[in-house]
Amino acid sequence: MYVCSCFGVTEAQVEQHAQDGACTPRQIASACKAGTDCGSCVRRIQAILGRGACPRREQAGQGRPVLAGTGRPNALDGLDEAA
C-alpha cells in the first residue's frame, strides 16, 4: 500500500528504511523523499514508526544512554572521571 503518493513510496519501503536506521519522519524523508512534497503522508509515517518499525526505539528505551544515530550504549559509561 502506498504511503506517499507524491513519490510512490510504499509502507514496506518505509518499514525497510526504518529497519536500516531511519527512526524519524525526517530521516525517512532523507532516505526516500516521502513527506517532502505535500506532507499528507507524514502522520502515516509517524504511525508506522510508532508501531515498532524502528528497532532502535526499543534499545533507546532501556534506560541506558544511546549515542545518537548508532544504537550503541554510550562509550563513556565505563570511564572514571580523572582526578
N, C-alpha and C. Protein backbone atom coordinates (compact mmCIF):
# COMPACT_ATOMS: atom_id res chain seq x y z
N MET A 1 0.83 -1.16 0.00
CA MET A 1 0.00 0.00 0.00
C MET A 1 0.89 1.25 0.00
N TYR A 2 0.50 2.23 -0.79
CA TYR A 2 1.29 3.46 -0.88
C TYR A 2 1.08 4.33 0.35
N VAL A 3 2.19 4.83 0.88
CA VAL A 3 2.17 5.78 1.98
C VAL A 3 2.27 7.19 1.40
N CYS A 4 3.17 7.36 0.45
CA CYS A 4 3.42 8.66 -0.18
C CYS A 4 3.09 8.56 -1.67
N SER A 5 1.99 9.18 -2.04
CA SER A 5 1.58 9.16 -3.44
C SER A 5 2.47 10.04 -4.30
N CYS A 6 2.99 11.10 -3.73
CA CYS A 6 3.82 12.04 -4.50
C CYS A 6 5.07 11.36 -5.07
N PHE A 7 5.68 10.48 -4.26
CA PHE A 7 6.92 9.83 -4.69
C PHE A 7 6.80 8.32 -4.83
N GLY A 8 5.59 7.79 -4.70
CA GLY A 8 5.36 6.36 -4.90
C GLY A 8 6.04 5.49 -3.88
N VAL A 9 6.07 5.93 -2.61
CA VAL A 9 6.73 5.18 -1.55
C VAL A 9 5.69 4.31 -0.84
N THR A 10 6.00 3.04 -0.69
CA THR A 10 5.08 2.11 -0.06
C THR A 10 5.36 1.96 1.43
N GLU A 11 4.40 1.38 2.13
CA GLU A 11 4.56 1.10 3.55
C GLU A 11 5.75 0.17 3.78
N ALA A 12 5.91 -0.81 2.91
CA ALA A 12 7.03 -1.75 3.03
C ALA A 12 8.37 -1.02 2.89
N GLN A 13 8.43 -0.03 2.00
CA GLN A 13 9.67 0.73 1.84
C GLN A 13 9.97 1.56 3.09
N VAL A 14 8.95 2.17 3.67
CA VAL A 14 9.14 2.95 4.90
C VAL A 14 9.64 2.01 6.01
N GLU A 15 9.03 0.84 6.14
CA GLU A 15 9.46 -0.13 7.14
C GLU A 15 10.89 -0.57 6.91
N GLN A 16 11.29 -0.75 5.66
CA GLN A 16 12.66 -1.16 5.36
C GLN A 16 13.65 -0.05 5.72
N HIS A 17 13.30 1.20 5.41
CA HIS A 17 14.17 2.32 5.78
C HIS A 17 14.29 2.41 7.30
N ALA A 18 13.20 2.14 8.00
CA ALA A 18 13.25 2.14 9.47
C ALA A 18 14.17 1.03 9.98
N GLN A 19 14.08 -0.14 9.37
CA GLN A 19 14.98 -1.24 9.76
C GLN A 19 16.44 -0.88 9.48
N ASP A 20 16.65 -0.06 8.45
CA ASP A 20 18.01 0.36 8.10
C ASP A 20 18.50 1.51 8.97
N GLY A 21 17.63 2.01 9.87
CA GLY A 21 18.08 3.03 10.82
C GLY A 21 17.35 4.36 10.79
N ALA A 22 16.45 4.58 9.86
CA ALA A 22 15.71 5.84 9.80
C ALA A 22 14.55 5.77 10.80
N CYS A 23 14.67 6.48 11.92
CA CYS A 23 13.69 6.34 13.00
C CYS A 23 12.79 7.54 13.20
N THR A 24 12.89 8.54 12.35
CA THR A 24 12.02 9.71 12.44
C THR A 24 11.48 10.01 11.05
N PRO A 25 10.37 10.73 10.97
CA PRO A 25 9.86 11.12 9.65
C PRO A 25 10.90 11.89 8.83
N ARG A 26 11.70 12.70 9.47
CA ARG A 26 12.75 13.45 8.76
C ARG A 26 13.80 12.50 8.16
N GLN A 27 14.17 11.48 8.91
CA GLN A 27 15.14 10.51 8.40
C GLN A 27 14.53 9.68 7.27
N ILE A 28 13.26 9.37 7.38
CA ILE A 28 12.57 8.67 6.28
C ILE A 28 12.57 9.57 5.05
N ALA A 29 12.30 10.85 5.24
CA ALA A 29 12.30 11.80 4.12
C ALA A 29 13.67 11.86 3.45
N SER A 30 14.72 11.83 4.25
CA SER A 30 16.07 11.86 3.69
C SER A 30 16.37 10.60 2.89
N ALA A 31 15.79 9.48 3.33
CA ALA A 31 16.05 8.21 2.67
C ALA A 31 15.28 8.05 1.36
N CYS A 32 14.04 8.58 1.30
CA CYS A 32 13.23 8.28 0.12
C CYS A 32 12.33 9.43 -0.35
N LYS A 33 12.45 10.61 0.26
CA LYS A 33 11.67 11.80 -0.08
C LYS A 33 10.23 11.78 0.41
N ALA A 34 9.77 10.68 0.99
CA ALA A 34 8.38 10.62 1.47
C ALA A 34 8.16 11.72 2.50
N GLY A 35 7.09 12.48 2.31
CA GLY A 35 6.74 13.55 3.23
C GLY A 35 7.31 14.90 2.88
N THR A 36 8.06 14.99 1.79
CA THR A 36 8.71 16.26 1.47
C THR A 36 7.96 17.10 0.45
N ASP A 37 6.90 16.58 -0.15
CA ASP A 37 6.17 17.37 -1.14
C ASP A 37 4.91 17.96 -0.51
N CYS A 38 3.82 17.27 -0.52
CA CYS A 38 2.58 17.83 0.04
C CYS A 38 2.47 17.63 1.54
N GLY A 39 3.17 16.64 2.09
CA GLY A 39 3.19 16.41 3.53
C GLY A 39 2.02 15.61 4.08
N SER A 40 1.10 15.19 3.25
CA SER A 40 -0.07 14.48 3.75
C SER A 40 0.26 13.10 4.29
N CYS A 41 1.42 12.57 4.00
CA CYS A 41 1.77 11.22 4.46
C CYS A 41 2.57 11.22 5.77
N VAL A 42 2.92 12.38 6.28
CA VAL A 42 3.78 12.43 7.46
C VAL A 42 3.14 11.74 8.66
N ARG A 43 1.85 11.94 8.87
CA ARG A 43 1.18 11.28 10.01
C ARG A 43 1.18 9.76 9.84
N ARG A 44 1.02 9.31 8.63
CA ARG A 44 1.05 7.85 8.39
C ARG A 44 2.46 7.30 8.64
N ILE A 45 3.47 8.04 8.24
CA ILE A 45 4.86 7.63 8.51
C ILE A 45 5.09 7.58 10.01
N GLN A 46 4.61 8.58 10.74
CA GLN A 46 4.73 8.58 12.20
C GLN A 46 4.06 7.35 12.79
N ALA A 47 2.91 7.00 12.27
CA ALA A 47 2.18 5.83 12.78
C ALA A 47 2.97 4.54 12.51
N ILE A 48 3.56 4.43 11.34
CA ILE A 48 4.36 3.25 11.01
C ILE A 48 5.56 3.15 11.95
N LEU A 49 6.23 4.26 12.17
CA LEU A 49 7.39 4.27 13.07
C LEU A 49 6.97 3.99 14.51
N GLY A 50 5.80 4.48 14.88
CA GLY A 50 5.30 4.31 16.24
C GLY A 50 4.88 2.89 16.57
N ARG A 51 4.61 2.10 15.57
CA ARG A 51 4.19 0.72 15.86
C ARG A 51 5.35 -0.26 15.79
N GLY A 52 6.56 0.25 15.97
CA GLY A 52 7.70 -0.64 16.14
C GLY A 52 8.51 -0.92 14.90
N ALA A 53 8.37 -0.13 13.86
CA ALA A 53 9.16 -0.38 12.66
C ALA A 53 10.64 -0.05 12.87
N CYS A 54 10.92 0.77 13.86
CA CYS A 54 12.31 1.17 14.12
C CYS A 54 12.87 0.38 15.29
N PRO A 55 13.84 -0.49 15.07
CA PRO A 55 14.38 -1.31 16.15
C PRO A 55 15.13 -0.52 17.20
N ARG A 56 15.69 0.63 16.86
CA ARG A 56 16.46 1.40 17.82
C ARG A 56 15.59 2.02 18.90
N ARG A 57 14.32 2.26 18.63
CA ARG A 57 13.44 2.84 19.64
C ARG A 57 13.39 1.93 20.87
N GLU A 58 13.35 0.64 20.67
CA GLU A 58 13.31 -0.29 21.79
C GLU A 58 14.62 -0.21 22.58
N GLN A 59 15.75 -0.16 21.91
CA GLN A 59 17.03 -0.07 22.58
C GLN A 59 17.15 1.24 23.35
N ALA A 60 16.68 2.32 22.77
CA ALA A 60 16.80 3.63 23.40
C ALA A 60 15.95 3.71 24.66
N GLY A 61 14.89 2.94 24.75
CA GLY A 61 14.02 3.00 25.89
C GLY A 61 14.44 2.12 27.06
N GLN A 62 15.62 1.54 27.03
CA GLN A 62 16.04 0.62 28.09
C GLN A 62 16.76 1.32 29.23
N GLY A 63 16.79 2.65 29.26
CA GLY A 63 17.36 3.36 30.38
C GLY A 63 18.84 3.68 30.27
N ARG A 64 19.53 3.13 29.30
CA ARG A 64 20.95 3.45 29.10
C ARG A 64 21.07 4.51 28.03
N PRO A 65 22.01 5.44 28.20
CA PRO A 65 22.21 6.45 27.16
C PRO A 65 22.60 5.80 25.84
N VAL A 66 22.09 6.33 24.76
CA VAL A 66 22.39 5.83 23.43
C VAL A 66 22.98 6.96 22.62
N LEU A 67 24.09 6.69 21.96
CA LEU A 67 24.68 7.70 21.08
C LEU A 67 23.74 7.92 19.93
N ALA A 68 23.49 9.17 19.60
CA ALA A 68 22.55 9.49 18.53
C ALA A 68 22.97 8.83 17.23
N GLY A 69 22.05 8.08 16.65
CA GLY A 69 22.26 7.51 15.34
C GLY A 69 23.07 6.22 15.32
N THR A 70 23.53 5.71 16.50
CA THR A 70 24.33 4.50 16.46
C THR A 70 23.62 3.29 17.04
N GLY A 71 22.70 3.52 17.99
CA GLY A 71 22.03 2.41 18.63
C GLY A 71 22.91 1.68 19.62
N ARG A 72 24.08 2.25 19.94
CA ARG A 72 25.02 1.62 20.87
C ARG A 72 24.99 2.36 22.20
N PRO A 73 25.28 1.67 23.32
CA PRO A 73 25.40 2.36 24.61
C PRO A 73 26.51 3.39 24.54
N ASN A 74 26.38 4.41 25.34
CA ASN A 74 27.38 5.48 25.37
C ASN A 74 28.74 4.91 25.72
N ALA A 75 29.74 5.17 24.92
CA ALA A 75 31.07 4.63 25.10
C ALA A 75 31.76 5.17 26.34
N LEU A 76 31.28 6.27 26.90
CA LEU A 76 31.91 6.87 28.06
C LEU A 76 31.36 6.32 29.37
N ASP A 77 30.37 5.44 29.35
CA ASP A 77 29.73 4.95 30.56
C ASP A 77 30.73 4.31 31.54
N GLY A 78 31.68 3.54 31.05
CA GLY A 78 32.58 2.81 31.93
C GLY A 78 33.81 3.57 32.35
N LEU A 79 33.99 4.80 31.93
CA LEU A 79 35.19 5.55 32.24
C LEU A 79 35.02 6.31 33.56
N ASP A 80 36.04 6.27 34.41
CA ASP A 80 36.03 7.05 35.64
C ASP A 80 36.47 8.47 35.32
N GLU A 81 35.99 9.41 36.11
CA GLU A 81 36.41 10.78 35.93
C GLU A 81 37.86 10.93 36.36
N ALA A 82 38.61 11.73 35.66
CA ALA A 82 40.01 11.99 36.02
C ALA A 82 40.04 12.82 37.30
N ALA A 83 40.96 12.50 38.19
CA ALA A 83 41.05 13.22 39.46
C ALA A 83 41.87 14.46 39.35
